[in-house]
Amino acid sequence: MILIDNKPADTATLVRLYPEDTTESKILRILLSDEDGHKFSSEDRLDFELKLRSEIVKASEALYRSRLAFKVFRESFCNTDYWVRMPDGGFALKERVKPSDAVRDIYKNSHKYGTECATAMLIIYYKALLEVFGDEAFDELFSNIYLMNWHRIETLIREVGLMRSASIYLPGDRRYFKNPDVNPETPEWQGENVIDLGGDLYYGHGAGKHRAETFIKMLNRNRADGADESAYLMDTVGNPNYDKLYDVHSRTRTSLTQTA
């Protein structure tokens, strides 16, 4: 069930707004079929979340098709035309480089980059936000990008680093496969950050695009000797604060229109 301004949404009208095979339509139908009420203060806020989630899925699919290498932090590398590789293995935006150009370069020249799965998740979020906000607003809002892990996230998307329990799961959610009995000699297999693509498909950098069963099998092959606890998909999700981003998007769009 979807509530708009605390009133049941016009289901038929909402469904007609999004073509049937789109990510937006798939998310909408999950929300409508859930007995719990999912509240949005306006249709515009619902539309914004649907579009951003759709772009997260698109950015994940594009990264899956790219040549971005999987590397642990000590072996990470990047295109130094746009980024500075820091001692901790993270990538800092180079001075006098447009953030929009730097993010797009990761997709355009993916063979010049290598990093691990948490950083890949941040790359996905930034690419999705770029497509929704547009170059000018994105460059203004995300001028100090540092690509590494959940401890180095810009304020506007800090919530993506927090995992919370969820009653339903939607395309665009960040999920995590945990390997509690990981082999200590391969700590990189302690778990896998993934983006939910819908239909029991997930993308994880270095692991690929698979169903949950396959991710679990991959992690189980990297358990300690004598391990008896299987890897599993946690029942938590990580997401940006869509309401906060909508407010920023609206203010930025208004400001750019007035100064045009």
Protein backbone atom coordinates (compact mmCIF):
# COMPACT_ATOMS: atom_id res chain seq x y z
CA MET A 1 0.00 0.00 0.00
CA ILE A 2 1.21 3.51 -0.83
CA LEU A 3 0.03 6.55 1.08
CA ILE A 4 0.41 10.01 -0.46
CA ASP A 5 0.00 12.77 2.10
CA ASN A 6 -1.50 10.12 4.44
CA LYS A 7 -4.15 9.12 1.89
CA PRO A 8 -4.26 5.90 -0.16
CA ALA A 9 -2.72 6.53 -3.55
CA ASP A 10 -4.72 6.17 -6.76
CA THR A 11 -3.22 2.84 -7.75
CA ALA A 12 -4.48 2.79 -11.33
CA THR A 13 -3.10 6.26 -12.03
CA LEU A 14 0.30 5.47 -10.52
CA VAL A 15 0.69 2.23 -12.45
CA ARG A 16 -0.02 4.00 -15.75
CA LEU A 17 2.82 6.46 -15.13
CA TYR A 18 5.57 3.86 -15.54
CA PRO A 19 6.00 1.38 -18.43
CA GLU A 20 5.53 -2.19 -17.26
CA ASP A 21 9.06 -3.52 -17.74
CA THR A 22 10.88 -0.62 -16.08
CA THR A 23 12.60 -0.76 -12.70
CA GLU A 24 10.25 2.00 -11.51
CA SER A 25 7.22 -0.15 -12.33
CA LYS A 26 8.68 -3.20 -10.57
CA ILE A 27 9.38 -1.19 -7.41
CA LEU A 28 5.96 0.42 -7.52
CA ARG A 29 4.21 -2.93 -7.71
CA ILE A 30 6.17 -4.28 -4.74
CA LEU A 31 5.20 -1.25 -2.67
CA LEU A 32 1.55 -1.46 -3.71
CA SER A 33 1.32 -5.18 -2.91
CA ASP A 34 2.83 -4.81 0.57
CA GLU A 35 0.26 -4.66 3.36
CA ASP A 36 2.28 -2.11 5.30
CA GLY A 37 1.70 1.50 4.32
CA HIS A 38 4.63 3.19 2.57
CA LYS A 39 4.27 6.91 3.14
CA PHE A 40 5.27 9.73 0.80
CA SER A 41 4.33 13.34 1.36
CA SER A 42 3.79 13.87 -2.38
CA GLU A 43 3.82 12.00 -5.69
CA ASP A 44 6.92 13.98 -6.63
CA ARG A 45 8.83 12.45 -3.71
CA LEU A 46 7.72 8.96 -4.73
CA ASP A 47 8.73 9.65 -8.33
CA PHE A 48 12.15 10.91 -7.22
CA GLU A 49 12.87 7.77 -5.21
CA LEU A 50 11.72 5.52 -8.04
CA LYS A 51 13.95 7.33 -10.54
CA LEU A 52 17.00 7.34 -8.27
CA ARG A 53 16.57 3.64 -7.49
CA SER A 54 16.28 2.97 -11.21
CA GLU A 55 19.52 4.85 -11.85
CA ILE A 56 21.24 2.86 -9.08
CA VAL A 57 20.25 -0.34 -10.88
CA LYS A 58 21.42 1.07 -14.24
CA ALA A 59 24.76 2.16 -12.75
CA SER A 60 25.20 -1.33 -11.25
CA GLU A 61 24.49 -3.03 -14.57
CA ALA A 62 26.93 -0.70 -16.34
CA LEU A 63 29.66 -1.39 -13.78
CA TYR A 64 29.04 -5.12 -14.19
CA ARG A 65 29.67 -4.76 -17.93
CA SER A 66 32.78 -2.63 -17.36
CA ARG A 67 36.41 -3.66 -16.97
CA LEU A 68 36.77 -2.32 -13.43
CA ALA A 69 39.17 -4.72 -11.70
CA PHE A 70 38.74 -6.18 -8.24
CA LYS A 71 41.70 -5.20 -6.06
CA VAL A 72 42.20 -5.00 -2.30
CA PHE A 73 43.09 -1.53 -1.05
CA ARG A 74 46.83 -2.14 -1.00
CA GLU A 75 46.69 -2.97 -4.72
CA SER A 76 44.10 -0.42 -5.87
CA PHE A 77 44.76 1.84 -8.85
CA CYS A 78 42.99 4.69 -10.65
CA ASN A 79 43.24 7.08 -13.59
CA THR A 80 45.54 9.81 -12.28
CA ASP A 81 44.11 12.29 -14.77
CA TYR A 82 41.10 12.54 -12.45
CA TRP A 83 41.99 10.97 -9.11
CA VAL A 84 44.82 10.82 -6.59
CA ARG A 85 45.45 7.40 -5.10
CA MET A 86 45.85 7.92 -1.35
CA PRO A 87 48.08 5.89 1.03
CA ASP A 88 45.03 4.04 2.39
CA GLY A 89 44.11 2.87 -1.12
CA GLY A 90 41.23 5.28 -1.58
CA PHE A 91 40.77 7.72 -4.47
CA ALA A 92 40.58 11.48 -3.83
CA LEU A 93 39.21 13.82 -6.46
CA LYS A 94 42.02 15.69 -8.15
CA GLU A 95 42.10 19.51 -7.89
CA ARG A 96 40.46 21.46 -10.71
CA VAL A 97 38.69 18.35 -11.98
CA LYS A 98 34.92 18.32 -12.36
CA PRO A 99 33.36 15.62 -10.16
CA SER A 100 30.97 14.73 -12.99
CA ASP A 101 33.86 14.15 -15.41
CA ALA A 102 35.75 12.06 -12.84
CA VAL A 103 32.80 9.78 -12.09
CA ARG A 104 32.02 9.29 -15.77
CA ASP A 105 35.66 8.42 -16.46
CA ILE A 106 35.39 5.38 -14.19
CA TYR A 107 32.78 4.00 -16.56
CA LYS A 108 34.44 5.28 -19.75
CA ASN A 109 37.97 4.11 -18.90
CA SER A 110 37.16 1.35 -16.43
CA HIS A 111 40.30 -0.60 -17.33
CA LYS A 112 42.32 2.13 -15.61
CA TYR A 113 40.71 1.38 -12.23
CA GLY A 114 40.87 -1.36 -9.64
CA THR A 115 39.30 -1.42 -6.18
CA GLU A 116 37.18 -3.55 -3.82
CA CYS A 117 33.44 -4.01 -3.39
CA ALA A 118 32.55 -1.23 -0.91
CA THR A 119 34.21 1.39 -3.10
CA ALA A 120 32.32 0.01 -6.10
CA MET A 121 29.07 0.61 -4.24
CA LEU A 122 29.98 4.28 -3.75
CA ILE A 123 30.88 4.60 -7.42
CA ILE A 124 27.40 3.31 -8.25
CA TYR A 125 25.70 5.82 -5.96
CA TYR A 126 27.65 8.74 -7.37
CA LYS A 127 26.88 7.69 -10.95
CA ALA A 128 23.16 7.40 -10.16
CA LEU A 129 23.12 10.80 -8.43
CA LEU A 130 24.92 12.36 -11.38
CA GLU A 131 22.24 11.12 -13.77
CA VAL A 132 19.42 12.42 -11.54
CA PHE A 133 20.93 15.76 -10.52
CA GLY A 134 22.72 16.64 -13.76
CA ASP A 135 26.30 17.83 -14.16
CA GLU A 136 26.00 21.37 -12.82
CA ALA A 137 24.17 20.50 -9.61
CA PHE A 138 26.27 17.38 -9.06
CA ASP A 139 29.53 19.34 -9.39
CA GLU A 140 28.26 21.86 -6.87
CA LEU A 141 27.03 19.32 -4.32
CA PHE A 142 29.75 16.66 -4.52
CA SER A 143 32.97 18.62 -4.85
CA ASN A 144 35.03 16.58 -2.37
CA ILE A 145 34.50 12.97 -3.41
CA TYR A 146 36.69 10.41 -1.68
CA LEU A 147 36.17 6.88 -2.90
CA MET A 148 37.01 4.24 -0.36
CA ASN A 149 34.57 2.77 2.13
CA TRP A 150 31.71 3.58 4.48
CA HIS A 151 33.95 5.69 6.74
CA ARG A 152 34.70 8.28 4.05
CA ILE A 153 31.30 9.27 2.68
CA GLU A 154 30.06 12.77 1.90
CA THR A 155 27.37 14.05 4.26
CA LEU A 156 24.56 14.00 1.69
CA ILE A 157 24.78 10.22 1.24
CA ARG A 158 26.19 9.19 4.60
CA GLU A 159 23.18 6.95 5.26
CA VAL A 160 24.27 4.44 2.60
CA GLY A 161 26.88 3.23 5.05
CA LEU A 162 24.24 2.26 7.63
CA MET A 163 22.46 -1.07 7.40
CA ARG A 164 18.94 -1.28 8.84
CA SER A 165 16.39 -4.07 9.17
CA ALA A 166 13.74 -4.12 6.47
CA SER A 167 10.38 -5.82 5.97
CA ILE A 168 10.58 -5.72 2.17
CA TYR A 169 13.44 -5.48 -0.31
CA LEU A 170 13.47 -3.29 -3.38
CA PRO A 171 15.63 -2.93 -6.49
CA GLY A 172 18.31 -0.37 -5.67
CA ASP A 173 18.76 -1.56 -2.07
CA ARG A 174 22.27 -2.25 -0.87
CA ARG A 175 22.41 -5.75 0.64
CA TYR A 176 25.18 -7.80 2.22
CA PHE A 177 26.10 -11.47 2.03
CA LYS A 178 27.98 -12.39 5.20
CA ASN A 179 30.51 -15.21 5.51
CA PRO A 180 30.87 -15.71 9.29
CA ASP A 181 33.41 -18.56 9.04
CA VAL A 182 35.65 -16.95 6.44
CA ASN A 183 39.10 -18.41 5.86
CA PRO A 184 41.50 -16.02 7.66
CA GLU A 185 43.89 -16.32 4.73
CA THR A 186 41.30 -14.78 2.38
CA PRO A 187 39.68 -11.98 4.42
CA GLU A 188 38.38 -10.34 1.24
CA TRP A 189 35.77 -13.14 1.20
CA GLN A 190 34.33 -12.22 4.60
CA GLY A 191 31.27 -10.93 2.76
CA GLU A 192 30.02 -9.24 -0.37
CA ASN A 193 28.37 -5.85 -0.75
CA VAL A 194 25.74 -6.04 -3.47
CA ILE A 195 23.02 -4.00 -5.12
CA ASP A 196 19.60 -5.64 -5.40
CA LEU A 197 18.71 -5.66 -9.11
CA GLY A 198 15.28 -7.23 -8.58
CA GLY A 199 14.06 -10.75 -9.32
CA ASP A 200 16.60 -12.35 -6.95
CA LEU A 201 19.51 -10.92 -8.95
CA TYR A 202 22.34 -9.03 -7.27
CA TYR A 203 25.48 -7.30 -8.45
CA GLY A 204 28.66 -7.45 -6.41
CA HIS A 205 31.97 -6.10 -7.67
CA GLY A 206 34.48 -8.88 -8.17
CA ALA A 207 31.79 -11.54 -7.89
CA GLY A 208 29.51 -10.54 -10.76
CA LYS A 209 25.75 -10.65 -11.24
CA HIS A 210 24.08 -13.70 -9.76
CA ARG A 211 21.18 -15.05 -7.76
CA ALA A 212 21.53 -15.25 -3.99
CA GLU A 213 22.25 -18.98 -4.06
CA THR A 214 25.32 -18.44 -6.24
CA PHE A 215 26.78 -15.74 -3.98
CA ILE A 216 26.34 -18.03 -1.00
CA LYS A 217 28.11 -20.89 -2.79
CA MET A 218 30.99 -18.61 -3.75
CA LEU A 219 31.47 -17.44 -0.16
CA ASN A 220 31.15 -20.96 1.22
CA ARG A 221 34.08 -22.02 -0.92
CA ASN A 222 36.17 -19.57 1.07
CA ARG A 223 35.46 -20.73 4.63
CA ALA A 224 37.96 -21.82 7.23
CA ASP A 225 38.73 -25.54 7.63
CA GLY A 226 36.07 -27.19 9.73
CA ALA A 227 33.60 -24.33 9.27
CA ASP A 228 30.01 -25.34 9.87
CA GLU A 229 28.10 -22.05 9.41
CA SER A 230 27.01 -21.18 5.90
CA ALA A 231 27.26 -17.75 4.37
CA TYR A 232 23.89 -15.99 4.16
CA LEU A 233 22.12 -12.89 2.89
CA MET A 234 21.51 -10.52 5.79
CA ASP A 235 18.00 -9.15 6.34
CA THR A 236 19.21 -5.56 6.35
CA VAL A 237 19.43 -2.85 3.71
CA GLY A 238 21.45 0.29 3.15
CA ASN A 239 19.94 3.25 1.35
CA PRO A 240 20.50 6.96 0.92
CA ASN A 241 18.02 9.30 2.61
CA TYR A 242 15.71 9.80 -0.35
CA ASP A 243 13.70 12.57 1.34
CA LYS A 244 16.84 14.57 2.11
CA LEU A 245 18.14 14.15 -1.42
CA TYR A 246 14.76 15.17 -2.87
CA ASP A 247 14.82 18.38 -0.81
CA VAL A 248 18.36 19.17 -1.95
CA HIS A 249 17.46 18.37 -5.55
CA SER A 250 14.45 20.70 -5.43
CA ARG A 251 16.42 23.57 -3.89
CA THR A 252 19.31 23.14 -6.28
CA ARG A 253 17.04 22.99 -9.32
CA THR A 254 15.27 26.17 -8.21
CA SER A 255 18.58 27.96 -7.57
CA LEU A 256 20.03 26.99 -10.94
CA THR A 257 16.85 28.08 -12.72
CA GLN A 258 16.92 31.50 -11.04
CA THR A 259 20.57 32.10 -11.93
CA ALA A 260 20.27 30.87 -15.53
